[in-house]
């Protein structure tokens, strides 16, 4: 039996990591929000979760538009949100997008 070993690549620097980050999905935002919400009653956990959640939400909004309304489930990792992007031209309307992550909440009732 032959074993191949590949050398580890150098870890990217913080600047390289940020420049190659993908826009966060709504699912990632829902998970971050759920962790943040659950940590509200634990001061240390909340202090740790808050910056990460706000950073992820900011990146999400940069790509998908400002969250104008959302419903966050507090029991499971589920939510719906409406985002709004500004108009590209004077004669265009604002773009509204609906985001949904409800698989955990609706798995028994599709």
C-alpha atoms as a PDB file:
ATOM      1  CA  UNK A   1       0.000   0.000   0.000  1.00  0.00           C
ATOM      2  CA  UNK A   2       1.331   3.411  -0.962  1.00  0.00           C
ATOM      3  CA  UNK A   3       0.656   6.583   0.923  1.00  0.00           C
ATOM      4  CA  UNK A   4       0.914   9.949  -0.743  1.00  0.00           C
ATOM      5  CA  UNK A   5       1.552  12.944   1.414  1.00  0.00           C
ATOM      6  CA  UNK A   6       0.968  16.456   0.148  1.00  0.00           C
ATOM      7  CA  UNK A   7       2.659  19.346   1.887  1.00  0.00           C
ATOM      8  CA  UNK A   8       0.338  21.818   3.597  1.00  0.00           C
ATOM      9  CA  UNK A   9      -0.109  25.055   1.747  1.00  0.00           C
ATOM     10  CA  UNK A  10       0.768  28.180   3.609  1.00  0.00           C
ATOM     11  CA  UNK A  11      -2.214  29.605   5.443  1.00  0.00           C
ATOM     12  CA  UNK A  12      -3.569  32.710   3.715  1.00  0.00           C
ATOM     13  CA  UNK A  13      -3.013  36.015   5.400  1.00  0.00           C
ATOM     14  CA  UNK A  14      -6.039  37.897   6.763  1.00  0.00           C
ATOM     15  CA  UNK A  15      -6.063  40.240   3.722  1.00  0.00           C
ATOM     16  CA  UNK A  16      -5.879  37.311   1.284  1.00  0.00           C
ATOM     17  CA  UNK A  17      -8.612  35.482   3.175  1.00  0.00           C
ATOM     18  CA  UNK A  18     -10.965  38.485   3.083  1.00  0.00           C
ATOM     19  CA  UNK A  19     -10.404  39.183  -0.607  1.00  0.00           C
ATOM     20  CA  UNK A  20     -11.391  35.612  -1.539  1.00  0.00           C
ATOM     21  CA  UNK A  21     -14.380  35.253   0.785  1.00  0.00           C
ATOM     22  CA  UNK A  22     -17.599  34.273  -0.891  1.00  0.00           C
ATOM     23  CA  UNK A  23     -20.701  36.346  -0.236  1.00  0.00           C
ATOM     24  CA  UNK A  24     -22.475  34.744   2.727  1.00  0.00           C
ATOM     25  CA  UNK A  25     -25.628  32.811   1.962  1.00  0.00           C
ATOM     26  CA  UNK A  26     -28.856  33.401   3.836  1.00  0.00           C
ATOM     27  CA  UNK A  27     -28.381  29.996   5.456  1.00  0.00           C
ATOM     28  CA  UNK A  28     -25.044  31.119   6.902  1.00  0.00           C
ATOM     29  CA  UNK A  29     -26.697  34.287   8.211  1.00  0.00           C
ATOM     30  CA  UNK A  30     -29.481  32.246   9.820  1.00  0.00           C
ATOM     31  CA  UNK A  31     -26.987  29.995  11.608  1.00  0.00           C
ATOM     32  CA  UNK A  32     -24.965  33.002  12.825  1.00  0.00           C
ATOM     33  CA  UNK A  33     -28.126  34.721  14.036  1.00  0.00           C
ATOM     34  CA  UNK A  34     -29.281  31.579  15.851  1.00  0.00           C
ATOM     35  CA  UNK A  35     -25.948  31.261  17.664  1.00  0.00           C
ATOM     36  CA  UNK A  36     -26.071  34.965  18.558  1.00  0.00           C
ATOM     37  CA  UNK A  37     -29.681  34.695  19.771  1.00  0.00           C
ATOM     38  CA  UNK A  38     -28.965  31.624  21.914  1.00  0.00           C
ATOM     39  CA  UNK A  39     -25.987  33.422  23.494  1.00  0.00           C
ATOM     40  CA  UNK A  40     -28.067  36.390  24.702  1.00  0.00           C
ATOM     41  CA  UNK A  41     -28.356  34.957  28.207  1.00  0.00           C
ATOM     42  CA  UNK A  42     -24.669  34.073  28.529  1.00  0.00           C
ATOM     43  CA  UNK A  43     -22.613  37.273  28.699  1.00  0.00           C
ATOM     44  CA  UNK A  44     -19.318  35.675  27.622  1.00  0.00           C
ATOM     45  CA  UNK A  45     -20.870  33.711  24.762  1.00  0.00           C
ATOM     46  CA  UNK A  46     -22.842  36.760  23.635  1.00  0.00           C
ATOM     47  CA  UNK A  47     -19.721  38.933  23.612  1.00  0.00           C
ATOM     48  CA  UNK A  48     -18.028  36.284  21.465  1.00  0.00           C
ATOM     49  CA  UNK A  49     -20.967  35.749  19.070  1.00  0.00           C
ATOM     50  CA  UNK A  50     -21.987  39.389  18.530  1.00  0.00           C
ATOM     51  CA  UNK A  51     -19.050  40.650  16.423  1.00  0.00           C
ATOM     52  CA  UNK A  52     -19.134  37.585  14.178  1.00  0.00           C
ATOM     53  CA  UNK A  53     -22.874  37.880  13.598  1.00  0.00           C
ATOM     54  CA  UNK A  54     -22.698  41.598  12.810  1.00  0.00           C
ATOM     55  CA  UNK A  55     -19.709  41.118  10.498  1.00  0.00           C
ATOM     56  CA  UNK A  56     -21.510  38.311   8.613  1.00  0.00           C
ATOM     57  CA  UNK A  57     -24.743  40.327   8.393  1.00  0.00           C
ATOM     58  CA  UNK A  58     -22.828  43.321   7.043  1.00  0.00           C
ATOM     59  CA  UNK A  59     -21.183  41.159   4.357  1.00  0.00           C
ATOM     60  CA  UNK A  60     -24.567  39.583   3.528  1.00  0.00           C
ATOM     61  CA  UNK A  61     -26.162  43.015   3.140  1.00  0.00           C
ATOM     62  CA  UNK A  62     -23.291  44.288   0.980  1.00  0.00           C
ATOM     63  CA  UNK A  63     -24.032  41.537  -1.517  1.00  0.00           C
ATOM     64  CA  UNK A  64     -27.782  40.917  -1.169  1.00  0.00           C
ATOM     65  CA  UNK A  65     -29.071  44.304  -0.032  1.00  0.00           C
ATOM     66  CA  UNK A  66     -30.255  45.739   3.251  1.00  0.00           C
ATOM     67  CA  UNK A  67     -32.491  43.483   5.361  1.00  0.00           C
ATOM     68  CA  UNK A  68     -35.691  45.532   5.563  1.00  0.00           C
ATOM     69  CA  UNK A  69     -37.752  42.959   7.455  1.00  0.00           C
ATOM     70  CA  UNK A  70     -37.035  39.537   8.923  1.00  0.00           C
ATOM     71  CA  UNK A  71     -38.642  36.881  11.067  1.00  0.00           C
ATOM     72  CA  UNK A  72     -36.111  34.823  13.021  1.00  0.00           C
ATOM     73  CA  UNK A  73     -37.258  31.587  14.628  1.00  0.00           C
ATOM     74  CA  UNK A  74     -35.953  31.278  18.180  1.00  0.00           C
ATOM     75  CA  UNK A  75     -36.417  27.496  18.477  1.00  0.00           C
ATOM     76  CA  UNK A  76     -34.627  26.203  15.372  1.00  0.00           C
ATOM     77  CA  UNK A  77     -32.294  27.577  12.716  1.00  0.00           C
ATOM     78  CA  UNK A  78     -34.991  29.046  10.468  1.00  0.00           C
ATOM     79  CA  UNK A  79     -35.880  32.501   9.199  1.00  0.00           C
ATOM     80  CA  UNK A  80     -37.366  34.513   6.380  1.00  0.00           C
ATOM     81  CA  UNK A  81     -36.182  37.955   5.300  1.00  0.00           C
ATOM     82  CA  UNK A  82     -36.839  40.614   2.721  1.00  0.00           C
ATOM     83  CA  UNK A  83     -33.829  42.491   1.349  1.00  0.00           C
ATOM     84  CA  UNK A  84     -33.784  45.660  -0.698  1.00  0.00           C
ATOM     85  CA  UNK A  85     -31.160  46.850  -3.139  1.00  0.00           C
ATOM     86  CA  UNK A  86     -31.067  50.427  -4.330  1.00  0.00           C
ATOM     87  CA  UNK A  87     -32.053  51.146  -7.881  1.00  0.00           C
ATOM     88  CA  UNK A  88     -29.317  51.070 -10.477  1.00  0.00           C
ATOM     89  CA  UNK A  89     -30.878  53.880 -12.518  1.00  0.00           C
ATOM     90  CA  UNK A  90     -33.378  56.638 -11.795  1.00  0.00           C
ATOM     91  CA  UNK A  91     -36.129  54.882 -13.725  1.00  0.00           C
ATOM     92  CA  UNK A  92     -35.649  51.480 -12.095  1.00  0.00           C
ATOM     93  CA  UNK A  93     -37.463  50.403  -8.965  1.00  0.00           C
ATOM     94  CA  UNK A  94     -35.711  49.130  -5.877  1.00  0.00           C
ATOM     95  CA  UNK A  95     -35.047  45.411  -6.085  1.00  0.00           C
ATOM     96  CA  UNK A  96     -36.676  43.336  -3.356  1.00  0.00           C
ATOM     97  CA  UNK A  97     -35.583  39.750  -2.719  1.00  0.00           C
ATOM     98  CA  UNK A  98     -37.192  37.153  -0.469  1.00  0.00           C
ATOM     99  CA  UNK A  99     -34.894  34.779   1.445  1.00  0.00           C
ATOM    100  CA  UNK A 100     -36.083  31.677   3.249  1.00  0.00           C
ATOM    101  CA  UNK A 101     -34.398  29.051   5.363  1.00  0.00           C
ATOM    102  CA  UNK A 102     -37.144  26.969   6.879  1.00  0.00           C
ATOM    103  CA  UNK A 103     -36.158  23.344   6.321  1.00  0.00           C
ATOM    104  CA  UNK A 104     -35.634  22.723  10.042  1.00  0.00           C
ATOM    105  CA  UNK A 105     -38.906  24.365  11.029  1.00  0.00           C
ATOM    106  CA  UNK A 106     -41.030  22.747   8.328  1.00  0.00           C
ATOM    107  CA  UNK A 107     -39.431  19.312   7.915  1.00  0.00           C
ATOM    108  CA  UNK A 108     -42.482  17.619   9.426  1.00  0.00           C
ATOM    109  CA  UNK A 109     -44.873  19.727   7.297  1.00  0.00           C
ATOM    110  CA  UNK A 110     -43.327  20.412   3.873  1.00  0.00           C
END
